[in-house]
PDB file of N, CA and C in Angstrom:
ATOM      1  N   MET A   1       0.788  -1.255   0.113  1.00  0.00           N
ATOM      2  CA  MET A   1       0.040  -0.018  -0.003  1.00  0.00           C
ATOM      3  C   MET A   1       0.854   1.243   0.003  1.00  0.00           C
ATOM      4  N   THR A   2       0.602   2.186  -0.678  1.00  0.00           N
ATOM      5  CA  THR A   2       1.417   3.254  -1.008  1.00  0.00           C
ATOM      6  C   THR A   2       1.199   4.426   0.218  1.00  0.00           C
ATOM      7  N   LYS A   3       2.354   4.863   0.810  1.00  0.00           N
ATOM      8  CA  LYS A   3       2.124   5.627   1.854  1.00  0.00           C
ATOM      9  C   LYS A   3       1.864   7.054   1.366  1.00  0.00           C
ATOM     10  N   LYS A   4       1.139   7.779   2.390  1.00  0.00           N
ATOM     11  CA  LYS A   4       0.641   9.123   2.122  1.00  0.00           C
ATOM     12  C   LYS A   4       1.349  10.204   2.880  1.00  0.00           C
ATOM     13  N   ILE A   5       1.710  11.290   2.199  1.00  0.00           N
ATOM     14  CA  ILE A   5       2.197  12.267   2.730  1.00  0.00           C
ATOM     15  C   ILE A   5       1.551  13.636   2.446  1.00  0.00           C
ATOM     16  N   LEU A   6       1.298  14.546   3.473  1.00  0.00           N
ATOM     17  CA  LEU A   6       0.632  15.726   3.352  1.00  0.00           C
ATOM     18  C   LEU A   6       1.703  16.791   3.381  1.00  0.00           C
ATOM     19  N   ILE A   7       1.904  17.657   2.398  1.00  0.00           N
ATOM     20  CA  ILE A   7       2.806  18.643   2.373  1.00  0.00           C
ATOM     21  C   ILE A   7       2.032  19.995   2.633  1.00  0.00           C
ATOM     22  N   ILE A   8       2.539  20.950   3.685  1.00  0.00           N
ATOM     23  CA  ILE A   8       1.722  22.009   3.931  1.00  0.00           C
ATOM     24  C   ILE A   8       2.939  23.085   3.809  1.00  0.00           C
ATOM     25  N   ASP A   9       2.856  23.909   2.810  1.00  0.00           N
ATOM     26  CA  ASP A   9       3.813  25.028   2.675  1.00  0.00           C
ATOM     27  C   ASP A   9       3.170  26.146   1.754  1.00  0.00           C
ATOM     28  N   ASP A  10       3.455  27.421   2.083  1.00  0.00           N
ATOM     29  CA  ASP A  10       2.817  28.419   1.435  1.00  0.00           C
ATOM     30  C   ASP A  10       3.476  28.845   0.099  1.00  0.00           C
ATOM     31  N   GLU A  11       4.743  28.257  -0.156  1.00  0.00           N
ATOM     32  CA  GLU A  11       5.504  28.600  -1.365  1.00  0.00           C
ATOM     33  C   GLU A  11       5.147  27.720  -2.390  1.00  0.00           C
ATOM     34  N   GLU A  12       4.518  28.131  -3.520  1.00  0.00           N
ATOM     35  CA  GLU A  12       4.152  27.318  -4.649  1.00  0.00           C
ATOM     36  C   GLU A  12       5.353  26.319  -5.157  1.00  0.00           C
ATOM     37  N   ASP A  13       6.469  26.989  -5.284  1.00  0.00           N
ATOM     38  CA  ASP A  13       7.677  26.297  -5.821  1.00  0.00           C
ATOM     39  C   ASP A  13       8.086  25.223  -5.008  1.00  0.00           C
ATOM     40  N   VAL A  14       7.952  25.439  -3.784  1.00  0.00           N
ATOM     41  CA  VAL A  14       8.420  24.329  -2.737  1.00  0.00           C
ATOM     42  C   VAL A  14       7.420  23.198  -2.740  1.00  0.00           C
ATOM     43  N   ARG A  15       5.995  23.513  -2.984  1.00  0.00           N
ATOM     44  CA  ARG A  15       5.074  22.422  -2.813  1.00  0.00           C
ATOM     45  C   ARG A  15       5.252  21.586  -4.351  1.00  0.00           C
ATOM     46  N   THR A  16       5.476  22.315  -5.315  1.00  0.00           N
ATOM     47  CA  THR A  16       5.541  21.545  -6.517  1.00  0.00           C
ATOM     48  C   THR A  16       6.992  20.699  -6.548  1.00  0.00           C
ATOM     49  N   TYR A  17       8.094  21.261  -5.993  1.00  0.00           N
ATOM     50  CA  TYR A  17       9.133  20.416  -5.816  1.00  0.00           C
ATOM     51  C   TYR A  17       9.013  19.316  -5.091  1.00  0.00           C
ATOM     52  N   LEU A  18       8.576  19.382  -3.689  1.00  0.00           N
ATOM     53  CA  LEU A  18       8.192  18.379  -2.943  1.00  0.00           C
ATOM     54  C   LEU A  18       7.168  17.318  -3.396  1.00  0.00           C
ATOM     55  N   ASN A  19       6.203  17.892  -3.873  1.00  0.00           N
ATOM     56  CA  ASN A  19       5.259  16.813  -4.692  1.00  0.00           C
ATOM     57  C   ASN A  19       5.930  16.045  -5.520  1.00  0.00           C
ATOM     58  N   SER A  20       6.779  16.571  -6.488  1.00  0.00           N
ATOM     59  CA  SER A  20       7.382  15.716  -7.634  1.00  0.00           C
ATOM     60  C   SER A  20       8.390  14.776  -6.875  1.00  0.00           C
ATOM     61  N   LEU A  21       9.153  15.234  -6.021  1.00  0.00           N
ATOM     62  CA  LEU A  21      10.217  14.444  -5.256  1.00  0.00           C
ATOM     63  C   LEU A  21       9.429  13.292  -4.717  1.00  0.00           C
ATOM     64  N   LEU A  22       8.405  13.535  -3.946  1.00  0.00           N
ATOM     65  CA  LEU A  22       7.702  12.517  -3.072  1.00  0.00           C
ATOM     66  C   LEU A  22       7.108  11.411  -4.131  1.00  0.00           C
ATOM     67  N   THR A  23       6.424  11.828  -5.120  1.00  0.00           N
ATOM     68  CA  THR A  23       5.632  11.128  -6.016  1.00  0.00           C
ATOM     69  C   THR A  23       6.683  10.187  -6.802  1.00  0.00           C
ATOM     70  N   ASN A  24       7.600  10.727  -7.244  1.00  0.00           N
ATOM     71  CA  ASN A  24       8.732  10.011  -7.927  1.00  0.00           C
ATOM     72  C   ASN A  24       9.364   9.022  -7.022  1.00  0.00           C
ATOM     73  N   SER A  25       9.272   9.266  -5.705  1.00  0.00           N
ATOM     74  CA  SER A  25       9.875   8.272  -4.656  1.00  0.00           C
ATOM     75  C   SER A  25       8.802   7.220  -4.249  1.00  0.00           C
ATOM     76  N   GLY A  26       7.602   7.235  -4.815  1.00  0.00           N
ATOM     77  CA  GLY A  26       6.520   6.210  -4.739  1.00  0.00           C
ATOM     78  C   GLY A  26       5.544   6.630  -3.601  1.00  0.00           C
ATOM     79  N   TYR A  27       5.668   7.912  -3.181  1.00  0.00           N
ATOM     80  CA  TYR A  27       4.543   8.259  -2.191  1.00  0.00           C
ATOM     81  C   TYR A  27       3.291   8.919  -2.831  1.00  0.00           C
ATOM     82  N   HIS A  28       2.241   8.760  -1.994  1.00  0.00           N
ATOM     83  CA  HIS A  28       0.933   9.521  -2.691  1.00  0.00           C
ATOM     84  C   HIS A  28       0.928  10.855  -1.881  1.00  0.00           C
ATOM     85  N   THR A  29       0.743  11.780  -2.535  1.00  0.00           N
ATOM     86  CA  THR A  29       0.817  13.218  -1.773  1.00  0.00           C
ATOM     87  C   THR A  29      -0.322  14.095  -2.069  1.00  0.00           C
ATOM     88  N   LYS A  30      -0.696  14.903  -1.141  1.00  0.00           N
ATOM     89  CA  LYS A  30      -1.565  16.009  -1.276  1.00  0.00           C
ATOM     90  C   LYS A  30      -0.959  17.240  -0.783  1.00  0.00           C
ATOM     91  N   VAL A  31      -1.253  18.494  -1.312  1.00  0.00           N
ATOM     92  CA  VAL A  31      -0.523  19.572  -0.874  1.00  0.00           C
ATOM     93  C   VAL A  31      -1.603  20.596  -0.397  1.00  0.00           C
ATOM     94  N   ALA A  32      -1.169  21.452   0.672  1.00  0.00           N
ATOM     95  CA  ALA A  32      -1.958  22.563   1.188  1.00  0.00           C
ATOM     96  C   ALA A  32      -1.059  23.760   1.208  1.00  0.00           C
ATOM     97  N   ASP A  33      -1.778  25.099   1.045  1.00  0.00           N
ATOM     98  CA  ASP A  33      -1.010  26.321   1.096  1.00  0.00           C
ATOM     99  C   ASP A  33      -0.728  27.046   2.355  1.00  0.00           C
ATOM    100  N   ASP A  34      -1.482  26.506   3.478  1.00  0.00           N
ATOM    101  CA  ASP A  34      -1.517  27.132   4.881  1.00  0.00           C
ATOM    102  C   ASP A  34      -1.984  26.015   5.831  1.00  0.00           C
ATOM    103  N   GLY A  35      -2.023  26.328   7.128  1.00  0.00           N
ATOM    104  CA  GLY A  35      -2.416  25.370   8.110  1.00  0.00           C
ATOM    105  C   GLY A  35      -3.958  25.054   8.159  1.00  0.00           C
ATOM    106  N   GLU A  36      -4.803  26.278   7.667  1.00  0.00           N
ATOM    107  CA  GLU A  36      -6.393  26.081   7.609  1.00  0.00           C
ATOM    108  C   GLU A  36      -6.512  24.992   6.456  1.00  0.00           C
ATOM    109  N   ASP A  37      -5.932  25.207   5.313  1.00  0.00           N
ATOM    110  CA  ASP A  37      -6.125  24.197   4.154  1.00  0.00           C
ATOM    111  C   ASP A  37      -5.667  22.919   4.706  1.00  0.00           C
ATOM    112  N   GLY A  38      -4.390  22.797   5.305  1.00  0.00           N
ATOM    113  CA  GLY A  38      -3.690  21.647   5.938  1.00  0.00           C
ATOM    114  C   GLY A  38      -4.796  20.747   6.493  1.00  0.00           C
ATOM    115  N   PHE A  39      -5.501  21.511   7.439  1.00  0.00           N
ATOM    116  CA  PHE A  39      -6.326  20.806   8.480  1.00  0.00           C
ATOM    117  C   PHE A  39      -7.695  20.280   7.651  1.00  0.00           C
ATOM    118  N   ARG A  40      -8.195  20.938   6.627  1.00  0.00           N
ATOM    119  CA  ARG A  40      -8.997  20.326   5.745  1.00  0.00           C
ATOM    120  C   ARG A  40      -8.632  19.098   4.974  1.00  0.00           C
ATOM    121  N   LYS A  41      -7.528  19.291   4.446  1.00  0.00           N
ATOM    122  CA  LYS A  41      -6.839  18.111   3.691  1.00  0.00           C
ATOM    123  C   LYS A  41      -6.535  16.822   4.544  1.00  0.00           C
ATOM    124  N   LEU A  42      -6.243  17.234   5.799  1.00  0.00           N
ATOM    125  CA  LEU A  42      -5.845  16.111   6.636  1.00  0.00           C
ATOM    126  C   LEU A  42      -6.959  15.357   6.992  1.00  0.00           C
ATOM    127  N   THR A  43      -8.100  15.758   7.267  1.00  0.00           N
ATOM    128  CA  THR A  43      -9.385  15.081   7.476  1.00  0.00           C
ATOM    129  C   THR A  43      -9.773  14.228   6.434  1.00  0.00           C
ATOM    130  N   GLU A  44      -9.707  14.776   5.179  1.00  0.00           N
ATOM    131  CA  GLU A  44     -10.034  13.985   4.055  1.00  0.00           C
ATOM    132  C   GLU A  44      -9.138  12.989   3.555  1.00  0.00           C
ATOM    133  N   PHE A  45      -7.647  13.155   3.749  1.00  0.00           N
ATOM    134  CA  PHE A  45      -6.674  12.435   3.256  1.00  0.00           C
ATOM    135  C   PHE A  45      -6.184  11.489   4.243  1.00  0.00           C
ATOM    136  N   PHE A  46      -5.903  11.736   5.454  1.00  0.00           N
ATOM    137  CA  PHE A  46      -5.476  11.101   6.667  1.00  0.00           C
ATOM    138  C   PHE A  46      -3.948  10.466   6.372  1.00  0.00           C
ATOM    139  N   PRO A  47      -3.042  11.257   6.352  1.00  0.00           N
ATOM    140  CA  PRO A  47      -1.585  10.927   5.818  1.00  0.00           C
ATOM    141  C   PRO A  47      -0.851  10.060   6.890  1.00  0.00           C
ATOM    142  N   ASP A  48       0.062   9.364   6.401  1.00  0.00           N
ATOM    143  CA  ASP A  48       0.912   8.633   7.162  1.00  0.00           C
ATOM    144  C   ASP A  48       2.143   9.510   7.850  1.00  0.00           C
ATOM    145  N   LEU A  49       2.425  10.806   7.170  1.00  0.00           N
ATOM    146  CA  LEU A  49       3.324  11.803   7.704  1.00  0.00           C
ATOM    147  C   LEU A  49       3.017  13.120   7.147  1.00  0.00           C
ATOM    148  N   ILE A  50       3.445  14.297   7.875  1.00  0.00           N
ATOM    149  CA  ILE A  50       3.194  15.616   7.442  1.00  0.00           C
ATOM    150  C   ILE A  50       4.477  16.163   7.154  1.00  0.00           C
ATOM    151  N   ILE A  51       4.636  17.033   6.112  1.00  0.00           N
ATOM    152  CA  ILE A  51       5.776  17.922   5.963  1.00  0.00           C
ATOM    153  C   ILE A  51       5.067  19.255   6.061  1.00  0.00           C
ATOM    154  N   LEU A  52       5.724  20.064   7.101  1.00  0.00           N
ATOM    155  CA  LEU A  52       5.000  21.286   7.468  1.00  0.00           C
ATOM    156  C   LEU A  52       6.011  22.450   7.466  1.00  0.00           C
ATOM    157  N   ASP A  53       5.784  23.529   6.895  1.00  0.00           N
ATOM    158  CA  ASP A  53       6.370  24.804   6.870  1.00  0.00           C
ATOM    159  C   ASP A  53       6.128  25.586   8.150  1.00  0.00           C
ATOM    160  N   ILE A  54       6.705  26.471   8.516  1.00  0.00           N
ATOM    161  CA  ILE A  54       6.340  27.430   9.883  1.00  0.00           C
ATOM    162  C   ILE A  54       5.451  28.549   9.445  1.00  0.00           C
ATOM    163  N   ILE A  55       6.112  29.526   8.741  1.00  0.00           N
ATOM    164  CA  ILE A  55       5.687  30.799   8.461  1.00  0.00           C
ATOM    165  C   ILE A  55       4.710  30.883   7.234  1.00  0.00           C
ATOM    166  N   MET A  56       3.369  30.827   7.435  1.00  0.00           N
ATOM    167  CA  MET A  56       2.409  30.832   6.362  1.00  0.00           C
ATOM    168  C   MET A  56       1.300  31.650   6.835  1.00  0.00           C
ATOM    169  N   PRO A  57       0.502  32.092   5.634  1.00  0.00           N
ATOM    170  CA  PRO A  57      -0.735  33.055   6.068  1.00  0.00           C
ATOM    171  C   PRO A  57      -1.842  32.165   6.630  1.00  0.00           C
ATOM    172  N   ASN A  58      -2.795  33.034   7.161  1.00  0.00           N
ATOM    173  CA  ASN A  58      -4.032  32.202   7.733  1.00  0.00           C
ATOM    174  C   ASN A  58      -3.897  31.518   8.835  1.00  0.00           C
ATOM    175  N   GLN A  59      -3.182  30.505   8.986  1.00  0.00           N
ATOM    176  CA  GLN A  59      -2.780  29.588  10.014  1.00  0.00           C
ATOM    177  C   GLN A  59      -1.508  29.176   9.877  1.00  0.00           C
ATOM    178  N   SER A  60      -0.355  29.528  10.920  1.00  0.00           N
ATOM    179  CA  SER A  60       1.039  29.212  10.816  1.00  0.00           C
ATOM    180  C   SER A  60       1.222  27.742  11.034  1.00  0.00           C
ATOM    181  N   GLY A  61       2.333  27.104  10.722  1.00  0.00           N
ATOM    182  CA  GLY A  61       2.726  25.827  11.040  1.00  0.00           C
ATOM    183  C   GLY A  61       2.693  25.655  12.348  1.00  0.00           C
ATOM    184  N   VAL A  62       3.076  26.563  13.354  1.00  0.00           N
ATOM    185  CA  VAL A  62       2.961  26.297  14.747  1.00  0.00           C
ATOM    186  C   VAL A  62       1.545  26.108  15.199  1.00  0.00           C
ATOM    187  N   GLY A  63       0.667  26.979  14.807  1.00  0.00           N
ATOM    188  CA  GLY A  63      -0.841  26.804  15.136  1.00  0.00           C
ATOM    189  C   GLY A  63      -1.203  25.399  14.467  1.00  0.00           C
ATOM    190  N   PHE A  64      -1.057  25.124  13.369  1.00  0.00           N
ATOM    191  CA  PHE A  64      -1.495  23.803  12.774  1.00  0.00           C
ATOM    192  C   PHE A  64      -0.881  22.704  13.479  1.00  0.00           C
ATOM    193  N   TYR A  65       0.478  22.924  14.180  1.00  0.00           N
ATOM    194  CA  TYR A  65       1.111  21.784  14.740  1.00  0.00           C
ATOM    195  C   TYR A  65       0.411  21.693  16.311  1.00  0.00           C
ATOM    196  N   ARG A  66       0.012  22.830  16.942  1.00  0.00           N
ATOM    197  CA  ARG A  66      -0.418  22.595  18.180  1.00  0.00           C
ATOM    198  C   ARG A  66      -1.981  21.873  18.084  1.00  0.00           C
ATOM    199  N   LYS A  67      -2.689  22.456  16.980  1.00  0.00           N
ATOM    200  CA  LYS A  67      -3.971  21.774  16.801  1.00  0.00           C
ATOM    201  C   LYS A  67      -3.917  20.202  16.274  1.00  0.00           C
ATOM    202  N   LEU A  68      -3.081  19.878  15.609  1.00  0.00           N
ATOM    203  CA  LEU A  68      -2.882  18.406  15.379  1.00  0.00           C
ATOM    204  C   LEU A  68      -2.465  17.691  16.523  1.00  0.00           C
ATOM    205  N   LYS A  69      -1.489  18.149  17.217  1.00  0.00           N
ATOM    206  CA  LYS A  69      -1.190  17.331  18.646  1.00  0.00           C
ATOM    207  C   LYS A  69      -2.066  17.325  19.689  1.00  0.00           C
ATOM    208  N   LYS A  70      -3.251  18.124  19.520  1.00  0.00           N
ATOM    209  CA  LYS A  70      -4.294  18.030  20.562  1.00  0.00           C
ATOM    210  C   LYS A  70      -5.512  17.301  20.083  1.00  0.00           C
ATOM    211  N   SER A  71      -5.324  16.832  18.645  1.00  0.00           N
ATOM    212  CA  SER A  71      -6.497  15.994  18.178  1.00  0.00           C
ATOM    213  C   SER A  71      -6.078  14.542  18.416  1.00  0.00           C
ATOM    214  N   GLU A  72      -7.267  13.998  19.087  1.00  0.00           N
ATOM    215  CA  GLU A  72      -7.207  12.404  19.489  1.00  0.00           C
ATOM    216  C   GLU A  72      -6.878  11.721  18.305  1.00  0.00           C
ATOM    217  N   VAL A  73      -7.757  12.047  17.169  1.00  0.00           N
ATOM    218  CA  VAL A  73      -7.460  11.429  15.884  1.00  0.00           C
ATOM    219  C   VAL A  73      -6.261  11.347  15.197  1.00  0.00           C
ATOM    220  N   HIS A  74      -5.632  12.588  15.277  1.00  0.00           N
ATOM    221  CA  HIS A  74      -4.603  12.971  14.447  1.00  0.00           C
ATOM    222  C   HIS A  74      -3.389  13.303  15.047  1.00  0.00           C
ATOM    223  N   LYS A  75      -3.179  13.126  16.458  1.00  0.00           N
ATOM    224  CA  LYS A  75      -1.940  13.350  17.338  1.00  0.00           C
ATOM    225  C   LYS A  75      -0.818  12.609  16.961  1.00  0.00           C
ATOM    226  N   ASP A  76      -1.026  11.290  16.633  1.00  0.00           N
ATOM    227  CA  ASP A  76       0.203  10.391  16.353  1.00  0.00           C
ATOM    228  C   ASP A  76       0.741  10.301  14.999  1.00  0.00           C
ATOM    229  N   ILE A  77       0.276  11.335  14.177  1.00  0.00           N
ATOM    230  CA  ILE A  77       0.901  11.439  12.654  1.00  0.00           C
ATOM    231  C   ILE A  77       2.155  12.073  12.856  1.00  0.00           C
ATOM    232  N   PRO A  78       3.384  11.305  12.226  1.00  0.00           N
ATOM    233  CA  PRO A  78       4.706  11.915  12.375  1.00  0.00           C
ATOM    234  C   PRO A  78       4.773  13.335  11.670  1.00  0.00           C
ATOM    235  N   VAL A  79       5.448  14.299  12.181  1.00  0.00           N
ATOM    236  CA  VAL A  79       5.566  15.698  11.573  1.00  0.00           C
ATOM    237  C   VAL A  79       7.112  15.964  11.179  1.00  0.00           C
ATOM    238  N   ILE A  80       7.406  16.267   9.896  1.00  0.00           N
ATOM    239  CA  ILE A  80       8.585  16.950   9.698  1.00  0.00           C
ATOM    240  C   ILE A  80       8.666  18.333   9.585  1.00  0.00           C
ATOM    241  N   ILE A  81       9.135  19.191  10.369  1.00  0.00           N
ATOM    242  CA  ILE A  81       9.118  20.514  10.033  1.00  0.00           C
ATOM    243  C   ILE A  81      10.313  20.985   8.943  1.00  0.00           C
ATOM    244  N   LEU A  82      10.015  21.574   7.923  1.00  0.00           N
ATOM    245  CA  LEU A  82      10.830  22.105   6.850  1.00  0.00           C
ATOM    246  C   LEU A  82      10.811  23.581   6.639  1.00  0.00           C
ATOM    247  N   SER A  83      11.674  24.200   7.248  1.00  0.00           N
ATOM    248  CA  SER A  83      11.469  25.528   7.278  1.00  0.00           C
ATOM    249  C   SER A  83      12.843  26.555   7.087  1.00  0.00           C
ATOM    250  N   ALA A  84      12.785  27.543   6.586  1.00  0.00           N
ATOM    251  CA  ALA A  84      14.085  28.396   6.710  1.00  0.00           C
ATOM    252  C   ALA A  84      14.268  29.466   7.808  1.00  0.00           C
ATOM    253  N   VAL A  85      13.189  29.237   8.706  1.00  0.00           N
ATOM    254  CA  VAL A  85      13.119  30.118   9.859  1.00  0.00           C
ATOM    255  C   VAL A  85      13.810  29.291  11.008  1.00  0.00           C
ATOM    256  N   THR A  86      15.010  29.189  11.245  1.00  0.00           N
ATOM    257  CA  THR A  86      15.721  28.363  12.217  1.00  0.00           C
ATOM    258  C   THR A  86      15.282  28.809  13.704  1.00  0.00           C
ATOM    259  N   GLN A  87      15.029  29.937  14.060  1.00  0.00           N
ATOM    260  CA  GLN A  87      14.741  30.204  15.400  1.00  0.00           C
ATOM    261  C   GLN A  87      13.518  29.504  15.926  1.00  0.00           C
ATOM    262  N   TYR A  88      12.749  29.059  15.146  1.00  0.00           N
ATOM    263  CA  TYR A  88      11.522  28.088  15.643  1.00  0.00           C
ATOM    264  C   TYR A  88      11.769  26.870  16.102  1.00  0.00           C
ATOM    265  N   LYS A  89      13.041  26.390  15.763  1.00  0.00           N
ATOM    266  CA  LYS A  89      13.513  25.218  16.183  1.00  0.00           C
ATOM    267  C   LYS A  89      13.766  25.168  17.632  1.00  0.00           C
ATOM    268  N   ASP A  90      14.053  26.313  18.222  1.00  0.00           N
ATOM    269  CA  ASP A  90      14.045  26.514  19.891  1.00  0.00           C
ATOM    270  C   ASP A  90      12.818  26.393  20.522  1.00  0.00           C
ATOM    271  N   PHE A  91      11.796  27.121  19.717  1.00  0.00           N
ATOM    272  CA  PHE A  91      10.444  26.912  20.188  1.00  0.00           C
ATOM    273  C   PHE A  91       9.969  25.585  20.283  1.00  0.00           C
ATOM    274  N   PHE A  92      10.218  24.856  19.369  1.00  0.00           N
ATOM    275  CA  PHE A  92       9.671  23.289  19.489  1.00  0.00           C
ATOM    276  C   PHE A  92      10.497  22.627  20.385  1.00  0.00           C
ATOM    277  N   ALA A  93      11.613  23.231  21.064  1.00  0.00           N
ATOM    278  CA  ALA A  93      12.584  22.295  21.920  1.00  0.00           C
ATOM    279  C   ALA A  93      11.764  22.531  23.276  1.00  0.00           C
ATOM    280  N   HIS A  94      10.870  23.600  23.438  1.00  0.00           N
ATOM    281  CA  HIS A  94      10.319  23.601  24.714  1.00  0.00           C
ATOM    282  C   HIS A  94       8.793  23.313  24.853  1.00  0.00           C
ATOM    283  N   ASP A  95       8.436  23.064  26.130  1.00  0.00           N
ATOM    284  CA  ASP A  95       6.930  22.557  26.047  1.00  0.00           C
ATOM    285  C   ASP A  95       6.147  23.678  26.518  1.00  0.00           C
ATOM    286  N   HIS A  96       5.858  24.583  25.426  1.00  0.00           N
ATOM    287  CA  HIS A  96       4.986  25.692  25.763  1.00  0.00           C
ATOM    288  C   HIS A  96       3.596  25.239  25.886  1.00  0.00           C
ATOM    289  N   GLN A  97       3.146  24.547  25.061  1.00  0.00           N
ATOM    290  CA  GLN A  97       1.641  24.275  24.992  1.00  0.00           C
ATOM    291  C   GLN A  97       1.422  22.629  25.336  1.00  0.00           C
ATOM    292  N   SER A  98       2.141  22.039  26.030  1.00  0.00           N
ATOM    293  CA  SER A  98       2.079  20.511  26.223  1.00  0.00           C
ATOM    294  C   SER A  98       1.994  19.813  25.167  1.00  0.00           C
ATOM    295  N   VAL A  99       2.634  20.183  24.241  1.00  0.00           N
ATOM    296  CA  VAL A  99       2.959  19.200  22.762  1.00  0.00           C
ATOM    297  C   VAL A  99       4.193  18.842  22.652  1.00  0.00           C
ATOM    298  N   PRO A 100       4.279  17.684  22.147  1.00  0.00           N
ATOM    299  CA  PRO A 100       5.443  16.858  21.890  1.00  0.00           C
ATOM    300  C   PRO A 100       6.430  17.513  20.807  1.00  0.00           C
ATOM    301  N   ARG A 101       7.637  17.609  20.765  1.00  0.00           N
ATOM    302  CA  ARG A 101       8.372  18.020  19.498  1.00  0.00           C
ATOM    303  C   ARG A 101       8.234  17.340  18.444  1.00  0.00           C
ATOM    304  N   PRO A 102       8.201  17.927  17.412  1.00  0.00           N
ATOM    305  CA  PRO A 102       8.079  17.144  15.995  1.00  0.00           C
ATOM    306  C   PRO A 102       9.095  16.211  15.876  1.00  0.00           C
ATOM    307  N   GLN A 103       8.999  15.206  14.858  1.00  0.00           N
ATOM    308  CA  GLN A 103       9.903  14.070  14.746  1.00  0.00           C
ATOM    309  C   GLN A 103      11.268  14.657  14.186  1.00  0.00           C
ATOM    310  N   GLU A 104      11.253  15.595  13.303  1.00  0.00           N
ATOM    311  CA  GLU A 104      12.251  16.235  12.832  1.00  0.00           C
ATOM    312  C   GLU A 104      12.204  17.706  12.403  1.00  0.00           C
ATOM    313  N   PHE A 105      13.350  18.421  12.241  1.00  0.00           N
ATOM    314  CA  PHE A 105      13.472  19.736  11.881  1.00  0.00           C
ATOM    315  C   PHE A 105      14.353  19.990  10.833  1.00  0.00           C
ATOM    316  N   LEU A 106      14.156  20.137   9.577  1.00  0.00           N
ATOM    317  CA  LEU A 106      15.116  20.508   8.539  1.00  0.00           C
ATOM    318  C   LEU A 106      14.935  21.933   8.106  1.00  0.00           C
ATOM    319  N   GLU A 107      16.299  22.255   8.009  1.00  0.00           N
ATOM    320  CA  GLU A 107      16.270  23.767   7.465  1.00  0.00           C
ATOM    321  C   GLU A 107      16.480  23.826   6.080  1.00  0.00           C
ATOM    322  N   LYS A 108      15.526  24.756   5.563  1.00  0.00           N
ATOM    323  CA  LYS A 108      15.672  25.156   4.025  1.00  0.00           C
ATOM    324  C   LYS A 108      16.842  25.927   3.753  1.00  0.00           C
ATOM    325  N   PRO A 109      17.610  25.780   2.537  1.00  0.00           N
ATOM    326  CA  PRO A 109      17.507  24.644   1.644  1.00  0.00           C
ATOM    327  C   PRO A 109      17.996  23.322   2.373  1.00  0.00           C
ATOM    328  N   PHE A 110      17.358  22.161   1.771  1.00  0.00           N
ATOM    329  CA  PHE A 110      17.575  21.070   2.455  1.00  0.00           C
ATOM    330  C   PHE A 110      18.108  20.008   1.209  1.00  0.00           C
ATOM    331  N   SER A 111      18.678  18.909   1.674  1.00  0.00           N
ATOM    332  CA  SER A 111      19.100  17.787   1.005  1.00  0.00           C
ATOM    333  C   SER A 111      17.986  16.959   0.464  1.00  0.00           C
ATOM    334  N   PRO A 112      17.611  16.691  -0.860  1.00  0.00           N
ATOM    335  CA  PRO A 112      16.580  15.899  -1.118  1.00  0.00           C
ATOM    336  C   PRO A 112      16.691  14.384  -0.394  1.00  0.00           C
ATOM    337  N   GLN A 113      17.866  14.000  -0.472  1.00  0.00           N
ATOM    338  CA  GLN A 113      18.256  12.740  -0.146  1.00  0.00           C
ATOM    339  C   GLN A 113      18.038  12.513   1.528  1.00  0.00           C
ATOM    340  N   GLU A 114      18.404  13.537   2.299  1.00  0.00           N
ATOM    341  CA  GLU A 114      18.352  13.635   3.718  1.00  0.00           C
ATOM    342  C   GLU A 114      16.885  13.642   3.933  1.00  0.00           C
ATOM    343  N   LEU A 115      16.053  14.340   3.308  1.00  0.00           N
ATOM    344  CA  LEU A 115      14.539  14.417   3.564  1.00  0.00           C
ATOM    345  C   LEU A 115      13.946  13.110   3.419  1.00  0.00           C
ATOM    346  N   LEU A 116      14.445  12.389   2.290  1.00  0.00           N
ATOM    347  CA  LEU A 116      13.801  11.030   1.860  1.00  0.00           C
ATOM    348  C   LEU A 116      14.338  10.023   2.982  1.00  0.00           C
ATOM    349  N   ASN A 117      15.402  10.157   3.290  1.00  0.00           N
ATOM    350  CA  ASN A 117      15.883   9.312   4.494  1.00  0.00           C
ATOM    351  C   ASN A 117      15.296   9.477   5.904  1.00  0.00           C
ATOM    352  N   LYS A 118      14.822  10.597   6.160  1.00  0.00           N
ATOM    353  CA  LYS A 118      13.996  10.968   7.437  1.00  0.00           C
ATOM    354  C   LYS A 118      12.550  10.582   7.198  1.00  0.00           C
ATOM    355  N   ILE A 119      12.028  10.637   6.069  1.00  0.00           N
ATOM    356  CA  ILE A 119      10.724  10.057   5.842  1.00  0.00           C
ATOM    357  C   ILE A 119      10.596   8.668   5.908  1.00  0.00           C
ATOM    358  N   ALA A 120      11.674   8.037   5.491  1.00  0.00           N
ATOM    359  CA  ALA A 120      11.783   6.440   5.502  1.00  0.00           C
ATOM    360  C   ALA A 120      11.915   5.894   7.128  1.00  0.00           C
ATOM    361  N   THR A 121      12.506   6.803   7.867  1.00  0.00           N
ATOM    362  CA  THR A 121      12.666   6.559   9.190  1.00  0.00           C
ATOM    363  C   THR A 121      11.263   6.333  10.071  1.00  0.00           C
ATOM    364  N   TYR A 122      10.432   7.163   9.682  1.00  0.00           N
ATOM    365  CA  TYR A 122       8.932   7.262  10.356  1.00  0.00           C
ATOM    366  C   TYR A 122       7.856   6.604   9.552  1.00  0.00           C
ATOM    367  N   ILE A 123       7.912   6.343   8.257  1.00  0.00           N
ATOM    368  CA  ILE A 123       6.998   5.510   7.533  1.00  0.00           C
ATOM    369  C   ILE A 123       7.684   4.501   6.713  1.00  0.00           C
ATOM    370  N   LYS A 124       7.180   3.329   6.859  1.00  0.00           N
ATOM    371  CA  LYS A 124       7.893   2.159   6.125  1.00  0.00           C
ATOM    372  C   LYS A 124       7.007   1.700   4.997  1.00  0.00           C
TER     373      LYS A 124
END
């Protein structure tokens, strides 16, 4: 069965690139352009893993992540943060809202192979 990955990023070029990379690597993907759109697609798609940007309009990645981890239905979905804003890494290191840290935090620009290796760690 093909594993599903939800990509949430407000940059169209990043979404397109990640979608191509992951589709060509055998994953089934859906894309969302912010946290609100991400939550709508999350409930329809129920992914095996989420790749999440931090700074986005409407609902940030931080807001999406908090909501996700408080959801009894979705809280166990692994999350890889992929962001150019590295100061948020420290935010996730602290337990501000009683939510666990994301599985990974990768800085943009990122190595495609490193991302694929991280994904393979969390979904088989």
